[in-house]
């Protein structure tokens, strides 16, 4: 690793596929990339722990540690990428293309390329002088279930004082973001000829009542939970997809509604789910065994930095930028469970995330490396 340039590190990371997808046909293990990162950090003197993440398709977390003592700094990122649309990319997504001062490739921005920035920062850092531990965490499946970060938080293996998640924030410190809950409401009616409604049970009519309850809840949430740190300062609920019935002259036998809720940090996932259950309870009671409500995928909690170690002031000092909130979800709420001050701070723009011809501007290299080195010096020396 010490003999590899920043670009060579980047190229190796990008050319090692690590796609996460709910679809088993395109989902990939991240083990090859984890092994590469383990080798590089091991060469720098880090001790390496690799753990298989339960409930995944052969996915792994990597924890690299150097130094000893209490507290310290955790630099964190996810090792996976989203799938890609081959027809929309103008170059090979697994081969870095350098053009116009940019590095194009899948994961160049979001976000496994961040590990090349960390490695570049460590090249000239006197790691043998550390007074507190420095940790590097590479997680699995952030782009789907966040299973890697969830599992790591459950393990409680480390207790750093501060943590930085290198998602693309244009090097602006992000100290809070909303959460995301997605649910599917299914209503089973009884189909029949529309000429005699009493011989059937119309699932759309039941859904109408359920939607009324959800709309009432939407209004309550909007007024009850408010956070001016966000551009949309209240909890949002969106009724996103509905389908029911098969013909205008048949009683609707089944209706399905998918909806989501984005909570501010004041509203926990458990509380939000309980409020949804309570709102729909009268409809469930009125139509026994006809309604079911299921999570579409695991919830992503809202996040707010603890700032018990004054990481926000430090981040502002090192970046020259005021901390902000974000509307997208990250692994931050799970890293927060380690008990550390956590922020999201990294090179690149979120506008590039999940896009064809994703890229990282080379203008971020020196500023990012500089910030990482100064953060390590402040926290670990």
Foldseek 3Di string as FASTA:
>chain_A
DLPDDLVRVLLVLQLQAQADDPPPVPHDELVVVLVVLVVLLVVVPWDWDKDAQPPDDNYIKIKTKAADDAAAEEEEEESHFHDDDVVQAPDAQSGWDDDPQWTWHTQQQRHNSVVSLVSVLSSPFPRVPWHHMYMYMYFHDQVHFSRRLLVVLVVLPGQHAEYEYAHAPQQAKAFWEWKKFKKKKKFFKAKDFQVDPVVIGARVVLVVVLVVLVVVVQVVQQPVAAAPLDPSTTKHKAFDDKDWDDDPGMRTGMIMTMMMIIHGQVAWPVNVVVSSCVSCVVSCVVDPPGMDMDTPHDIQHIGGFPCPVVVQVVSCVLRVHHYGHDHDGGSRVSVCSSVHGYIYGHFDDPVLGPDHRRIGRNVVSVSSSSSSNVVNVVRTD
